[in-house]
Protein backbone atom coordinates (compact mmCIF):
# COMPACT_ATOMS: atom_id res chain seq x y z
CA UNK A 1 -60.26 -87.54 -2.36
CA UNK A 2 -59.66 -86.14 -5.82
CA UNK A 3 -62.40 -86.54 -8.42
CA UNK A 4 -61.98 -88.92 -11.34
CA UNK A 5 -60.92 -87.11 -14.47
CA UNK A 6 -63.07 -87.24 -17.57
CA UNK A 7 -61.74 -89.47 -20.37
CA UNK A 8 -58.13 -88.30 -20.34
CA UNK A 9 -56.45 -88.00 -16.94
CA UNK A 10 -57.33 -90.74 -14.47
CA UNK A 11 -55.80 -91.04 -11.02
CA UNK A 12 -54.30 -94.39 -10.05
CA UNK A 13 -56.26 -96.53 -7.61
CA UNK A 14 -54.50 -96.31 -4.27
CA UNK A 15 -56.16 -99.11 -2.31
CA UNK A 16 -59.50 -99.91 -0.67
CA UNK A 17 -61.76 -96.99 0.06
CA UNK A 18 -62.54 -96.42 3.74
CA UNK A 19 -66.23 -95.67 4.22
CA UNK A 20 -68.05 -94.21 7.17
CA UNK A 21 -70.80 -96.39 8.67
CA UNK A 22 -73.97 -96.10 6.63
CA UNK A 23 -72.23 -94.67 3.55
CA UNK A 24 -73.74 -97.38 1.36
CA UNK A 25 -75.71 -100.54 1.86
CA UNK A 26 -73.84 -103.86 1.72
CA UNK A 27 -74.32 -106.65 -0.81
CA UNK A 28 -75.63 -104.46 -3.61
CA UNK A 29 -75.59 -105.89 -7.14
CA UNK A 30 -74.43 -103.15 -9.51
CA UNK A 31 -74.10 -103.14 -13.31
CA UNK A 32 -71.64 -100.54 -14.65
CA UNK A 33 -71.61 -99.81 -18.39
CA UNK A 34 -68.65 -97.56 -19.28
CA UNK A 35 -66.51 -97.68 -22.44
CA UNK A 36 -63.42 -96.05 -20.89
CA UNK A 37 -61.66 -99.09 -19.43
CA UNK A 38 -59.52 -97.01 -17.04
CA UNK A 39 -62.58 -95.44 -15.47
CA UNK A 40 -64.42 -98.77 -15.56
CA UNK A 41 -61.61 -100.54 -13.68
CA UNK A 42 -61.43 -97.79 -11.08
CA UNK A 43 -65.19 -97.82 -10.59
CA UNK A 44 -65.16 -101.59 -10.14
CA UNK A 45 -62.33 -101.36 -7.61
CA UNK A 46 -64.06 -98.74 -5.51
CA UNK A 47 -67.46 -100.41 -5.58
CA UNK A 48 -66.06 -103.86 -4.86
CA UNK A 49 -63.94 -102.49 -2.00
CA UNK A 50 -67.22 -101.27 -0.50
CA UNK A 51 -68.46 -104.88 -0.55
CA UNK A 52 -70.65 -104.93 -3.64
CA UNK A 53 -71.02 -107.36 -6.52
CA UNK A 54 -70.08 -105.50 -9.72
CA UNK A 55 -70.80 -106.59 -13.28
CA UNK A 56 -69.26 -104.53 -16.10
CA UNK A 57 -69.59 -103.92 -19.81
CA UNK A 58 -67.93 -101.53 -22.26
CA UNK A 59 -70.59 -101.77 -25.00
CA UNK A 60 -74.16 -100.48 -25.12
CA UNK A 61 -75.71 -103.52 -26.78
CA UNK A 62 -73.90 -105.90 -24.46
CA UNK A 63 -74.80 -103.78 -21.45
CA UNK A 64 -78.49 -103.90 -22.35
CA UNK A 65 -78.31 -107.67 -22.83
CA UNK A 66 -76.79 -108.08 -19.35
CA UNK A 67 -79.31 -105.72 -17.79
CA UNK A 68 -82.23 -107.67 -19.27
CA UNK A 69 -80.83 -111.07 -18.35
CA UNK A 70 -79.91 -110.34 -14.72
CA UNK A 71 -81.33 -108.85 -11.55
CA UNK A 72 -79.47 -105.73 -10.41
CA UNK A 73 -80.14 -103.31 -7.57
CA UNK A 74 -78.89 -100.35 -9.60
CA UNK A 75 -77.34 -99.53 -12.99
CA UNK A 76 -74.53 -96.99 -13.48
CA UNK A 77 -74.51 -95.99 -17.15
CA UNK A 78 -72.32 -93.80 -19.30
CA UNK A 79 -74.28 -92.00 -22.02
CA UNK A 80 -71.75 -92.08 -24.87
CA UNK A 81 -71.34 -95.81 -25.51
CA UNK A 82 -70.53 -97.89 -28.61
CA UNK A 83 -73.54 -99.30 -30.51
CA UNK A 84 -76.21 -98.08 -28.07
CA UNK A 85 -76.24 -94.99 -25.85
CA UNK A 86 -76.99 -95.03 -22.15
CA UNK A 87 -80.28 -93.20 -22.74
CA UNK A 88 -81.25 -95.83 -25.31
CA UNK A 89 -80.50 -98.54 -22.75
CA UNK A 90 -82.72 -96.78 -20.21
CA UNK A 91 -85.56 -96.45 -22.74
CA UNK A 92 -85.26 -100.10 -23.78
CA UNK A 93 -85.40 -101.25 -20.15
CA UNK A 94 -88.47 -99.13 -19.53
CA UNK A 95 -90.16 -100.59 -22.62
CA UNK A 96 -89.42 -104.06 -21.25
CA UNK A 97 -91.12 -103.25 -17.96
CA UNK A 98 -87.90 -102.97 -15.94
CA UNK A 99 -87.83 -100.42 -13.12
CA UNK A 100 -84.22 -100.92 -11.96
CA UNK A 101 -82.85 -97.61 -10.63
CA UNK A 102 -80.43 -95.86 -13.02
CA UNK A 103 -77.64 -93.40 -12.32
CA UNK A 104 -76.08 -91.74 -15.37
CA UNK A 105 -72.35 -91.02 -15.05
CA UNK A 106 -71.19 -89.09 -18.09
CA UNK A 107 -69.11 -86.25 -19.48
CA UNK A 108 -72.27 -84.73 -21.02
CA UNK A 109 -73.15 -81.96 -18.62
CA UNK A 110 -75.33 -79.48 -20.47
CA UNK A 111 -78.77 -78.72 -19.12
CA UNK A 112 -80.34 -80.35 -22.19
CA UNK A 113 -78.33 -83.53 -21.60
CA UNK A 114 -79.30 -83.67 -17.92
CA UNK A 115 -82.99 -83.10 -18.66
CA UNK A 116 -82.85 -85.76 -21.38
CA UNK A 117 -81.41 -88.21 -18.86
CA UNK A 118 -84.16 -87.56 -16.33
CA UNK A 119 -86.69 -87.64 -19.15
CA UNK A 120 -85.90 -91.30 -19.89
CA UNK A 121 -86.35 -92.24 -16.24
CA UNK A 122 -82.95 -91.72 -14.59
CA UNK A 123 -82.92 -91.58 -10.80
CA UNK A 124 -79.79 -89.42 -10.70
CA UNK A 125 -77.27 -87.83 -13.06
CA UNK A 126 -73.57 -87.16 -12.32
CA UNK A 127 -71.16 -85.32 -14.58
CA UNK A 128 -67.47 -86.24 -14.95
CA UNK A 129 -65.07 -85.47 -13.38
CA UNK A 130 -66.63 -86.84 -10.21
CA UNK A 131 -65.84 -87.79 -6.65
CA UNK A 132 -65.94 -91.56 -5.93
CA UNK A 133 -67.25 -90.88 -2.43
CA UNK A 134 -70.06 -88.72 -3.80
CA UNK A 135 -70.93 -91.52 -6.24
CA UNK A 136 -71.20 -93.98 -3.35
CA UNK A 137 -73.38 -91.58 -1.37
CA UNK A 138 -75.67 -90.99 -4.33
CA UNK A 139 -76.00 -94.74 -4.94
CA UNK A 140 -76.92 -95.16 -1.29
CA UNK A 141 -79.55 -92.41 -1.54
CA UNK A 142 -81.14 -94.09 -4.56
CA UNK A 143 -81.21 -97.47 -2.82
CA UNK A 144 -82.72 -95.97 0.33
CA UNK A 145 -85.49 -94.36 -1.72
CA UNK A 146 -86.18 -97.67 -3.47
CA UNK A 147 -86.20 -99.46 -0.12
CA UNK A 148 -88.66 -96.94 1.32
CA UNK A 149 -91.07 -97.63 -1.53
CA UNK A 150 -90.67 -101.36 -1.03
CA UNK A 151 -91.23 -101.18 2.74
CA UNK A 152 -94.56 -99.37 2.37
CA UNK A 153 -96.27 -101.79 0.04
CA UNK A 154 -99.59 -101.63 1.87
CA UNK A 155 -99.85 -97.85 1.71
CA UNK A 156 -102.56 -96.55 -0.62
CA UNK A 157 -103.56 -93.01 -1.43
CA UNK A 158 -106.66 -91.86 -3.31
CA UNK A 159 -107.83 -88.38 -4.25
CA UNK A 160 -110.50 -87.81 -6.87
CA UNK A 161 -109.82 -89.97 -9.93
CA UNK A 162 -106.25 -90.70 -8.76
CA UNK A 163 -105.31 -93.87 -6.91
CA UNK A 164 -101.72 -94.63 -5.91
CA UNK A 165 -100.54 -97.94 -4.49
CA UNK A 166 -97.01 -98.36 -3.10
CA UNK A 167 -96.85 -101.97 -4.27
CA UNK A 168 -95.30 -100.63 -7.49
CA UNK A 169 -94.80 -97.25 -9.17
CA UNK A 170 -98.10 -97.47 -11.03
CA UNK A 171 -101.09 -95.29 -10.38
CA UNK A 172 -104.64 -95.63 -11.59
CA UNK A 173 -106.83 -92.96 -13.10
CA UNK A 174 -110.45 -94.12 -12.85
CA UNK A 175 -109.20 -97.70 -12.86
CA UNK A 176 -106.85 -97.21 -15.81
CA UNK A 177 -103.28 -98.23 -14.95
CA UNK A 178 -100.65 -95.57 -15.63
CA UNK A 179 -96.99 -96.54 -15.51
CA UNK A 180 -94.76 -93.93 -13.90
CA UNK A 181 -91.02 -93.57 -13.62
CA UNK A 182 -89.68 -93.76 -10.04
CA UNK A 183 -89.23 -89.98 -9.93
CA UNK A 184 -92.72 -89.28 -11.30
CA UNK A 185 -94.09 -91.69 -8.72
CA UNK A 186 -92.36 -89.91 -5.85
CA UNK A 187 -93.51 -86.48 -7.07
CA UNK A 188 -97.12 -87.64 -7.31
CA UNK A 189 -96.93 -89.30 -3.91
CA UNK A 190 -95.77 -86.05 -2.31
CA UNK A 191 -98.72 -84.25 -3.90
CA UNK A 192 -101.26 -86.88 -2.81
CA UNK A 193 -99.93 -86.95 0.74
CA UNK A 194 -100.44 -83.19 1.11
CA UNK A 195 -103.10 -81.90 -1.29
CA UNK A 196 -103.40 -78.13 -1.71
CA UNK A 197 -99.93 -77.58 -0.28
CA UNK A 198 -97.68 -75.50 -2.54
CA UNK A 199 -94.38 -77.31 -3.11
CA UNK A 200 -91.45 -75.16 -4.18
CA UNK A 201 -89.25 -76.78 -6.80
CA UNK A 202 -86.41 -76.95 -4.29
CA UNK A 203 -88.67 -78.75 -1.82
CA UNK A 204 -89.62 -81.34 -4.45
CA UNK A 205 -85.95 -81.82 -5.33
CA UNK A 206 -85.04 -82.31 -1.66
CA UNK A 207 -87.84 -84.82 -1.19
CA UNK A 208 -86.70 -86.86 -4.19
CA UNK A 209 -82.92 -86.51 -4.31
CA UNK A 210 -81.95 -85.22 -0.87
CA UNK A 211 -81.03 -81.76 0.37
CA UNK A 212 -77.53 -81.76 -1.10
CA UNK A 213 -78.44 -82.79 -4.65
CA UNK A 214 -77.34 -80.45 -7.43
CA UNK A 215 -80.42 -80.80 -9.64
CA UNK A 216 -81.74 -78.04 -11.85
CA UNK A 217 -85.25 -76.84 -10.94
CA UNK A 218 -86.08 -77.22 -14.64
CA UNK A 219 -85.72 -80.98 -14.20
CA UNK A 220 -88.81 -80.84 -11.96
CA UNK A 221 -90.67 -78.92 -14.68
CA UNK A 222 -89.88 -81.70 -17.17
CA UNK A 223 -91.10 -84.39 -14.75
CA UNK A 224 -94.31 -82.45 -14.08
CA UNK A 225 -94.90 -82.07 -17.83
CA UNK A 226 -94.51 -85.83 -18.38
CA UNK A 227 -96.64 -86.63 -15.33
CA UNK A 228 -99.52 -84.44 -16.50
CA UNK A 229 -99.41 -86.00 -19.95
CA UNK A 230 -99.56 -89.52 -18.51
CA UNK A 231 -102.42 -88.75 -16.14
CA UNK A 232 -104.55 -87.23 -18.89
CA UNK A 233 -106.36 -83.93 -19.14
CA UNK A 234 -108.66 -83.95 -16.10
CA UNK A 235 -106.35 -85.72 -13.64
CA UNK A 236 -103.31 -83.92 -15.01
CA UNK A 237 -105.03 -80.57 -14.55
CA UNK A 238 -105.20 -81.27 -10.81
CA UNK A 239 -101.46 -80.53 -10.72
CA UNK A 240 -101.39 -76.75 -10.82
CA UNK A 241 -98.49 -74.40 -11.43
CA UNK A 242 -98.26 -71.62 -8.85
CA UNK A 243 -96.33 -68.92 -10.64
CA UNK A 244 -93.16 -67.89 -8.84
CA UNK A 245 -93.42 -70.68 -6.26
CA UNK A 246 -93.84 -74.19 -7.67
CA UNK A 247 -96.71 -76.68 -7.86
CA UNK A 248 -99.64 -78.02 -5.89
CA UNK A 249 -102.29 -80.72 -6.26
CA UNK A 250 -105.77 -79.17 -6.23
CA UNK A 251 -108.40 -81.95 -6.01
CA UNK A 252 -111.29 -79.86 -7.34
CA UNK A 253 -109.60 -77.35 -9.64
CA UNK A 254 -108.57 -77.39 -13.26
CA UNK A 255 -105.26 -75.99 -14.40
CA UNK A 256 -106.15 -72.31 -14.59
CA UNK A 257 -102.99 -70.96 -12.96
CA UNK A 258 -100.32 -69.88 -15.46
CA UNK A 259 -98.13 -72.81 -16.45
CA UNK A 260 -94.88 -71.01 -17.25
CA UNK A 261 -94.77 -73.00 -20.48
CA UNK A 262 -94.85 -76.43 -18.80
């Protein structure tokens, strides 16, 4: 299937998409905010043909209003939107305590743009032109990760001053609650599950996004930087950079290994 074009050339919708079993979970409520009406209509057609309830908006302010007033399983956001950008929507939702998964779908494909998207809490980032089937697979991957967190609500991990409870993506540092993005949560959980193990950046990416995700290793560096800052000096220093390899959680060590600028 040919990818959607970005902004200018858009292929005509040729009928319902035929999915393989397990491509995407049924009965998903999806909000799509996209100001190009051709792309928006095509997205709606594909997602609805897969059996999902789709709500749409072409304006950033209106999209944020809908996101705050409803309950959605996932948001698909363009970045360049009238009145309010997709990253501003993501930040506003975070400030309102919403943890709905977000997938950015945008023509902005520079490394800085991608890192900015993950920096505001995105679960995934796709650049136009894109494959509709890949979009469906990525949505499914995000929903499966969210479901895994939800199905392990009684699981608790504790190492040193760090306590992590799967009831929600919030950890505690000596009893102080620290709110994490879903990606930061999953990174920290991998560390706490296997302390002292060195995780290569590629291994962290695979554990968060899946083996086939095209995510820059620098995105992991950004998440680690934010995670350390949120945990504070002593707890944050437990996450050590292992030069040339990746990162590890060292329960009794401070961050003496070179940080490569992160």
